[in-house]
Amino acid sequence: MIRLNILNMERFLETVNACTGKVHLLFPDGRKVNIAREEREQNSLRRQYRHNKNSLRLTLEIPDPRDYMSIVSYYAGDC
């Protein structure tokens, strides 16, 4: 599990879509939804991001270690 504060949604989604496996968005109620290559879910994230004035806190579960490192590398370079 990783918690991120997304400041560049489009670059974040590009990174997520390049992952080979699933990237689960975790909700406080325990639900999890795959956001990798899922247009409907990504559009919802974009709306929330804009509503939050171009910032969005997310909690993710990334099963594939290579995908995890890809997202961590994106995040480290985005800060």
Protein backbone atom coordinates (compact mmCIF):
# COMPACT_ATOMS: atom_id res chain seq x y z
CA MET A 1 0.00 0.00 0.00
CA ILE A 2 1.18 3.49 -0.85
CA ARG A 3 -0.32 6.90 -0.23
CA LEU A 4 0.28 9.64 -2.76
CA ASN A 5 -0.70 13.26 -3.23
CA ILE A 6 -1.17 13.65 -6.98
CA LEU A 7 -0.25 17.06 -8.37
CA ASN A 8 -0.05 16.10 -12.06
CA MET A 9 -2.99 13.83 -12.86
CA GLU A 10 -2.23 13.29 -16.54
CA ARG A 11 1.37 12.16 -15.95
CA PHE A 12 0.19 9.97 -13.07
CA LEU A 13 -2.42 8.29 -15.28
CA GLU A 14 0.13 7.79 -18.08
CA THR A 15 2.34 5.97 -15.56
CA VAL A 16 -0.57 3.88 -14.26
CA ASN A 17 -1.64 2.94 -17.80
CA ALA A 18 1.91 1.78 -18.59
CA CYS A 19 1.75 -0.75 -15.74
CA THR A 20 1.43 -4.39 -16.78
CA GLY A 21 -0.83 -5.39 -13.91
CA LYS A 22 -3.61 -3.89 -11.88
CA VAL A 23 -3.34 -0.72 -9.81
CA HIS A 24 -6.02 -0.71 -7.13
CA LEU A 25 -7.43 2.49 -5.67
CA LEU A 26 -8.33 1.80 -2.02
CA PHE A 27 -11.33 3.43 -0.36
CA PRO A 28 -11.85 4.05 3.37
CA ASP A 29 -14.75 1.56 3.41
CA GLY A 30 -12.44 -1.25 2.23
CA ARG A 31 -13.45 -1.28 -1.43
CA LYS A 32 -10.76 -1.42 -4.09
CA VAL A 33 -11.08 -0.58 -7.76
CA ASN A 34 -8.60 -1.13 -10.55
CA ILE A 35 -7.69 2.19 -12.22
CA ALA A 36 -5.14 0.90 -14.76
CA ARG A 37 -6.51 1.39 -18.27
CA GLU A 38 -10.02 1.99 -16.86
CA GLU A 39 -11.33 5.13 -18.56
CA ARG A 40 -14.44 5.47 -16.41
CA GLU A 41 -12.47 5.32 -13.16
CA GLN A 42 -9.81 7.67 -14.50
CA ASN A 43 -12.41 10.24 -15.56
CA SER A 44 -13.80 10.13 -12.02
CA LEU A 45 -10.29 10.77 -10.65
CA ARG A 46 -9.86 13.70 -13.03
CA ARG A 47 -13.11 15.26 -11.80
CA GLN A 48 -12.10 14.85 -8.15
CA TYR A 49 -8.65 16.27 -8.92
CA ARG A 50 -10.12 19.40 -10.55
CA HIS A 51 -12.66 19.79 -7.74
CA ASN A 52 -9.76 19.66 -5.24
CA LYS A 53 -7.94 22.47 -7.09
CA ASN A 54 -5.44 20.21 -8.88
CA SER A 55 -4.48 17.99 -5.98
CA LEU A 56 -5.74 14.56 -4.98
CA ARG A 57 -4.68 12.19 -2.21
CA LEU A 58 -4.86 8.53 -3.17
CA THR A 59 -4.16 5.24 -1.45
CA LEU A 60 -3.06 2.53 -3.85
CA GLU A 61 -2.34 -1.18 -3.75
CA ILE A 62 0.02 -2.30 -6.50
CA PRO A 63 0.53 -6.10 -6.57
CA ASP A 64 3.31 -6.25 -9.20
CA PRO A 65 6.66 -5.06 -7.75
CA ARG A 66 7.77 -3.66 -11.13
CA ASP A 67 4.59 -1.60 -11.38
CA TYR A 68 5.05 -0.46 -7.78
CA MET A 69 8.58 0.76 -8.56
CA SER A 70 7.37 2.49 -11.71
CA ILE A 71 4.79 4.49 -9.76
CA VAL A 72 7.24 5.27 -6.94
CA SER A 73 9.78 6.47 -9.53
CA TYR A 74 7.13 8.68 -11.16
CA TYR A 75 6.17 10.12 -7.78
CA ALA A 76 9.78 10.78 -6.73
CA GLY A 77 10.41 12.63 -9.99
CA ASP A 78 7.16 14.60 -9.76
CA CYS A 79 7.96 16.14 -6.36
